[in-house]
Amino acid sequence: MWNISYFGIGLIALGGLIAPGNDGTARAQDMMRHVDLQSPAFTQSELTRAELEHKLAALKKGETLDLSARALNGLDLSGLDLRRTKLQSARLNNANLKGANLDGVVLDQAWALMADLTDASLEGSSLFMTQFVGAKLDGANFKDARMAANMTQASLKGASFEGANLSADMTNQSMGLMRGVFSSADLTGTSFEGANLARVLMEYADLRGANLAGADLSGSELAGANLSGANVAGANFKDADVNSAQLSGLLGLDKALNFERAKNLDRAFRD
């Protein structure tokens, strides 16, 4: 069970997190309306880069630097090896993490709004309820990561999600529907080869030239998304909502699974 009461937020939702309404229907709630993003907690840093590097250098074999809930906003952490840190609920808004190594790091509930993680590596990391809204993640490596992160309007050009699991967690509905959210994100040339994207939210995302080979897109929301020239060989489209999606020039379409079982296929733009 994940604790979602940080900053007094309580059971709320952001993007892909859905809380049930009083009438039994699901409604989305915007997490950002419940926090002051201009407060020092979300704009300032408790540490300098030099202080952080000193703490990392002082770690003994097998030790981990716990930075949970620490404010690291705006720091230049580019190129750092952060594999021996824990960053759950840390605030990294506008931080520079270009080329940083975050393989296997726990970043659950972390805030990284408008952060720059260009070419950063997050292979095998844990990213539940992580906020990457507006972040720059071009070329980032999320291979085999388990994530239900919000990447709304983020830039992810050429990023890799190969083997990653971004699917909705259907076993813990008491917390709402946790899933990957890529609303209006730039995913041009991004690789989702073999990724689990079941029920993922990708409305209006730019997926031109993306590699979706072998990806599970079942139940995903692709309304208004642009998949022109994407590789969909072996991708499973069962119940994926493609209302108004651009589906022209798809590569490997003859090898896609359940393509004709996608929702609103008659309303998509096809060749």
Protein backbone atom coordinates (compact mmCIF):
# COMPACT_ATOMS: atom_id res chain seq x y z
CA MET A 1 0.00 0.00 0.00
CA TRP A 2 1.37 3.41 -0.92
CA ASN A 3 1.00 6.38 1.39
CA ILE A 4 -0.58 9.21 -0.56
CA SER A 5 -1.08 11.70 2.24
CA TYR A 6 2.09 13.72 1.64
CA PHE A 7 1.62 17.49 1.90
CA GLY A 8 -1.90 16.90 3.20
CA ILE A 9 -3.11 15.91 -0.24
CA GLY A 10 -5.00 12.80 0.83
CA LEU A 11 -6.79 10.53 -1.66
CA ILE A 12 -6.84 12.60 -4.82
CA ALA A 13 -6.00 12.12 -8.43
CA LEU A 14 -3.82 13.54 -11.15
CA GLY A 15 -4.23 12.69 -14.81
CA GLY A 16 -4.49 8.91 -14.68
CA LEU A 17 -5.50 8.66 -11.03
CA ILE A 18 -9.27 8.40 -10.68
CA ALA A 19 -11.28 8.73 -7.50
CA PRO A 20 -14.90 7.54 -7.39
CA GLY A 21 -17.56 10.21 -7.26
CA ASN A 22 -20.57 10.21 -4.94
CA ASP A 23 -22.77 9.06 -7.79
CA GLY A 24 -20.62 5.98 -8.35
CA THR A 25 -19.04 7.33 -11.50
CA ALA A 26 -15.31 7.98 -11.82
CA ARG A 27 -14.08 11.52 -12.01
CA ALA A 28 -10.60 12.91 -12.39
CA GLN A 29 -9.32 15.41 -9.88
CA ASP A 30 -6.40 17.69 -10.48
CA MET A 31 -3.72 17.16 -7.84
CA MET A 32 -2.07 20.48 -8.62
CA ARG A 33 -5.07 22.38 -7.33
CA HIS A 34 -4.32 21.03 -3.86
CA VAL A 35 -0.77 22.30 -3.46
CA ASP A 36 0.95 25.66 -3.73
CA LEU A 37 3.47 25.12 -6.52
CA GLN A 38 4.95 28.56 -5.85
CA SER A 39 5.78 27.78 -2.21
CA PRO A 40 9.42 27.30 -1.10
CA ALA A 41 8.76 23.56 -0.77
CA PHE A 42 8.26 23.37 -4.54
CA THR A 43 10.69 26.06 -5.71
CA GLN A 44 13.72 26.01 -3.40
CA SER A 45 16.32 23.42 -2.41
CA GLU A 46 17.45 22.23 0.99
CA LEU A 47 20.84 21.15 -0.34
CA THR A 48 23.48 22.32 -2.77
CA ARG A 49 25.04 20.05 -5.35
CA ALA A 50 28.31 20.09 -3.38
CA GLU A 51 26.52 19.02 -0.20
CA LEU A 52 24.76 16.21 -2.02
CA GLU A 53 27.99 15.00 -3.61
CA HIS A 54 29.63 15.02 -0.15
CA LYS A 55 26.83 12.88 1.28
CA LEU A 56 27.09 10.43 -1.61
CA ALA A 57 30.86 10.16 -1.21
CA ALA A 58 30.45 9.43 2.52
CA LEU A 59 28.17 6.43 1.95
CA LYS A 60 29.54 3.14 3.19
CA LYS A 61 29.22 -0.08 1.23
CA GLY A 62 25.58 -1.13 1.05
CA GLU A 63 24.25 2.17 2.38
CA THR A 64 21.60 4.28 0.66
CA LEU A 65 21.15 8.03 0.91
CA ASP A 66 17.52 8.64 1.85
CA LEU A 67 16.33 11.88 0.25
CA SER A 68 12.64 11.11 0.66
CA ALA A 69 10.47 14.23 0.74
CA ARG A 70 13.53 16.49 0.46
CA ALA A 71 13.35 19.68 -1.57
CA LEU A 72 15.91 19.59 -4.39
CA ASN A 73 14.16 22.01 -6.71
CA GLY A 74 16.26 23.72 -9.35
CA LEU A 75 19.49 21.88 -8.51
CA ASP A 76 22.07 21.04 -11.15
CA LEU A 77 22.38 17.27 -10.70
CA SER A 78 23.46 16.60 -14.26
CA GLY A 79 25.64 13.55 -14.79
CA LEU A 80 25.45 12.38 -11.17
CA ASP A 81 25.28 8.70 -10.23
CA LEU A 82 22.21 8.63 -7.99
CA ARG A 83 21.68 4.88 -7.92
CA ARG A 84 22.30 4.75 -4.16
CA THR A 85 19.60 7.27 -3.32
CA LYS A 86 15.94 7.02 -2.42
CA LEU A 87 13.87 9.89 -3.82
CA GLN A 88 10.34 8.98 -2.81
CA SER A 89 8.23 12.15 -2.58
CA ALA A 90 11.30 14.30 -3.27
CA ARG A 91 10.73 17.59 -5.07
CA LEU A 92 12.89 17.99 -8.17
CA ASN A 93 10.94 20.67 -9.98
CA ASN A 94 13.03 22.48 -12.61
CA ALA A 95 16.06 20.41 -11.62
CA ASN A 96 18.77 19.59 -14.16
CA LEU A 97 19.20 15.81 -14.26
CA LYS A 98 20.67 15.54 -17.75
CA GLY A 99 22.54 12.27 -18.12
CA ALA A 100 21.98 11.33 -14.46
CA ASN A 101 21.96 7.65 -13.51
CA LEU A 102 18.77 6.77 -11.62
CA ASP A 103 18.67 3.07 -12.43
CA GLY A 104 16.56 1.18 -9.89
CA VAL A 105 15.83 4.30 -7.83
CA VAL A 106 12.51 4.68 -6.01
CA LEU A 107 10.89 7.90 -7.25
CA ASP A 108 7.35 7.14 -6.15
CA GLN A 109 5.29 10.32 -5.60
CA ALA A 110 8.25 12.51 -6.54
CA TRP A 111 7.63 15.89 -8.19
CA ALA A 112 9.75 16.71 -11.23
CA LEU A 113 7.66 19.36 -12.96
CA MET A 114 9.53 21.01 -15.85
CA ALA A 115 12.68 19.09 -14.87
CA ASP A 116 15.31 18.23 -17.50
CA LEU A 117 16.12 14.51 -17.61
CA THR A 118 17.49 14.45 -21.15
CA ASP A 119 19.43 11.21 -21.70
CA ALA A 120 18.97 10.22 -18.04
CA SER A 121 18.76 6.52 -17.23
CA LEU A 122 15.90 5.24 -15.06
CA GLU A 123 16.11 1.58 -15.98
CA GLY A 124 14.17 -0.60 -13.56
CA SER A 125 13.14 2.40 -11.46
CA SER A 126 9.87 2.70 -9.53
CA LEU A 127 7.66 5.63 -10.58
CA PHE A 128 4.23 5.44 -8.96
CA MET A 129 2.36 8.76 -8.95
CA THR A 130 5.52 10.55 -10.10
CA GLN A 131 4.84 13.95 -11.64
CA PHE A 132 6.78 14.73 -14.83
CA VAL A 133 4.32 17.30 -16.19
CA GLY A 134 6.07 19.48 -18.77
CA ALA A 135 9.41 17.76 -18.17
CA LYS A 136 12.07 17.23 -20.82
CA LEU A 137 12.84 13.51 -21.06
CA ASP A 138 14.24 13.23 -24.58
CA GLY A 139 16.42 10.15 -24.95
CA ALA A 140 15.71 9.00 -21.38
CA ASN A 141 15.89 5.28 -20.64
CA PHE A 142 12.90 3.78 -18.79
CA LYS A 143 13.60 0.18 -19.80
CA ASP A 144 11.86 -2.33 -17.51
CA ALA A 145 10.62 0.44 -15.20
CA ARG A 146 7.35 0.01 -13.29
CA MET A 147 5.52 3.27 -13.47
CA ALA A 148 2.17 4.97 -13.12
CA ALA A 149 3.55 8.42 -13.76
CA ASN A 150 2.02 11.60 -15.14
CA MET A 151 3.93 12.81 -18.21
CA THR A 152 1.33 15.21 -19.51
CA GLN A 153 2.83 17.62 -22.07
CA ALA A 154 6.29 16.18 -21.47
CA SER A 155 8.86 15.88 -24.26
CA LEU A 156 9.97 12.26 -24.65
CA LYS A 157 11.46 12.25 -28.13
CA GLY A 158 13.52 9.15 -28.70
CA ALA A 159 13.02 7.89 -25.14
CA SER A 160 12.92 4.15 -24.43
CA PHE A 161 10.21 2.32 -22.52
CA GLU A 162 11.18 -1.12 -23.78
CA GLY A 163 9.72 -3.78 -21.51
CA ALA A 164 8.34 -1.15 -19.12
CA ASN A 165 5.05 -1.66 -17.32
CA LEU A 166 2.86 1.46 -17.46
CA SER A 167 -0.44 -0.35 -17.24
CA ALA A 168 -3.29 0.45 -14.89
CA ASP A 169 -3.10 -1.26 -11.51
CA MET A 170 -6.34 -3.21 -11.48
CA THR A 171 -5.61 -4.94 -8.14
CA ASN A 172 -5.82 -1.86 -5.92
CA GLN A 173 -8.86 0.08 -7.01
CA SER A 174 -9.35 1.52 -3.52
CA MET A 175 -6.61 3.99 -4.45
CA GLY A 176 -8.09 4.83 -7.81
CA LEU A 177 -6.91 3.93 -11.28
CA MET A 178 -3.13 4.34 -11.36
CA ARG A 179 -1.60 4.26 -14.83
CA GLY A 180 0.81 5.97 -17.15
CA VAL A 181 -0.45 9.30 -18.48
CA PHE A 182 0.95 10.84 -21.68
CA SER A 183 -1.74 13.38 -22.56
CA SER A 184 -0.45 15.73 -25.28
CA ALA A 185 3.10 14.41 -24.79
CA ASP A 186 5.72 14.43 -27.55
CA LEU A 187 6.53 10.75 -28.12
CA THR A 188 7.97 11.03 -31.62
CA GLY A 189 10.44 8.23 -32.24
CA THR A 190 9.92 6.83 -28.74
CA SER A 191 10.26 3.07 -28.29
CA PHE A 192 7.58 1.14 -26.41
CA GLU A 193 8.70 -2.21 -27.78
CA GLY A 194 7.26 -4.98 -25.61
CA ALA A 195 5.86 -2.47 -23.11
CA ASN A 196 2.64 -2.99 -21.15
CA LEU A 197 0.45 0.00 -22.02
CA ALA A 198 -2.89 -1.52 -21.07
CA ARG A 199 -5.37 1.25 -20.20
CA VAL A 200 -2.65 3.90 -20.48
CA LEU A 201 -3.84 7.43 -21.28
CA MET A 202 -2.28 8.80 -24.49
CA GLU A 203 -4.92 11.22 -25.71
CA TYR A 204 -3.56 13.75 -28.23
CA ALA A 205 -0.03 12.37 -27.84
CA ASP A 206 2.37 12.67 -30.79
CA LEU A 207 3.45 9.11 -31.55
CA ARG A 208 4.73 9.67 -35.06
CA GLY A 209 7.39 7.12 -35.90
CA ALA A 210 7.12 5.49 -32.45
CA ASN A 211 8.01 1.83 -32.02
CA LEU A 212 5.01 0.02 -30.56
CA ALA A 213 6.07 -3.43 -31.71
CA GLY A 214 4.75 -6.08 -29.35
CA ALA A 215 3.23 -3.50 -27.00
CA ASP A 216 -0.01 -4.23 -25.16
CA LEU A 217 -2.32 -1.31 -26.00
CA SER A 218 -5.48 -3.06 -24.85
CA GLY A 219 -7.97 -0.64 -23.35
CA SER A 220 -5.62 2.31 -23.88
CA GLU A 221 -6.98 5.77 -24.63
CA LEU A 222 -5.53 7.04 -27.91
CA ALA A 223 -8.23 9.51 -28.89
CA GLY A 224 -6.76 12.28 -31.01
CA ALA A 225 -3.27 10.75 -30.91
CA ASN A 226 -1.05 10.82 -33.99
CA LEU A 227 0.41 7.38 -34.77
CA SER A 228 1.46 8.17 -38.34
CA GLY A 229 4.32 5.92 -39.39
CA ALA A 230 4.41 4.07 -36.06
CA ASN A 231 5.52 0.43 -35.97
CA VAL A 232 2.59 -1.60 -34.63
CA ALA A 233 3.74 -5.12 -35.52
CA GLY A 234 2.48 -7.45 -32.79
CA ALA A 235 0.81 -4.61 -30.86
CA ASN A 236 -2.50 -5.54 -29.23
CA PHE A 237 -5.25 -2.98 -29.96
CA LYS A 238 -8.15 -4.79 -28.26
CA ASP A 239 -10.59 -2.17 -26.90
CA ALA A 240 -8.10 0.67 -27.48
CA ASP A 241 -10.03 3.89 -28.11
CA VAL A 242 -8.75 5.41 -31.36
CA ASN A 243 -11.46 8.05 -31.82
CA SER A 244 -10.07 10.75 -34.15
CA ALA A 245 -6.59 9.22 -34.00
CA GLN A 246 -4.23 9.50 -37.00
CA LEU A 247 -3.54 5.93 -38.13
CA SER A 248 -1.93 6.54 -41.50
CA GLY A 249 1.20 4.80 -42.74
CA LEU A 250 1.31 2.29 -39.90
CA LEU A 251 4.19 -0.16 -40.21
CA GLY A 252 3.55 -3.85 -39.56
CA LEU A 253 -0.21 -3.34 -39.49
CA ASP A 254 -0.73 -6.79 -41.00
CA LYS A 255 0.93 -8.26 -37.90
CA ALA A 256 -0.95 -6.15 -35.34
CA LEU A 257 -3.27 -8.00 -32.97
CA ASN A 258 -6.98 -7.24 -32.63
CA PHE A 259 -6.69 -4.05 -34.68
CA GLU A 260 -10.26 -4.40 -35.92
CA ARG A 261 -11.41 -4.68 -32.30
CA ALA A 262 -10.23 -1.19 -31.43
CA LYS A 263 -12.96 1.19 -30.27
CA ASN A 264 -14.18 3.94 -32.61
CA LEU A 265 -12.05 2.65 -35.45
CA ASP A 266 -14.63 4.04 -37.86
CA ARG A 267 -13.88 7.51 -36.48
CA ALA A 268 -10.11 7.28 -36.87
CA PHE A 269 -8.19 8.74 -39.81
CA ARG A 270 -6.87 5.79 -41.83
CA ASP A 271 -5.18 5.24 -45.17
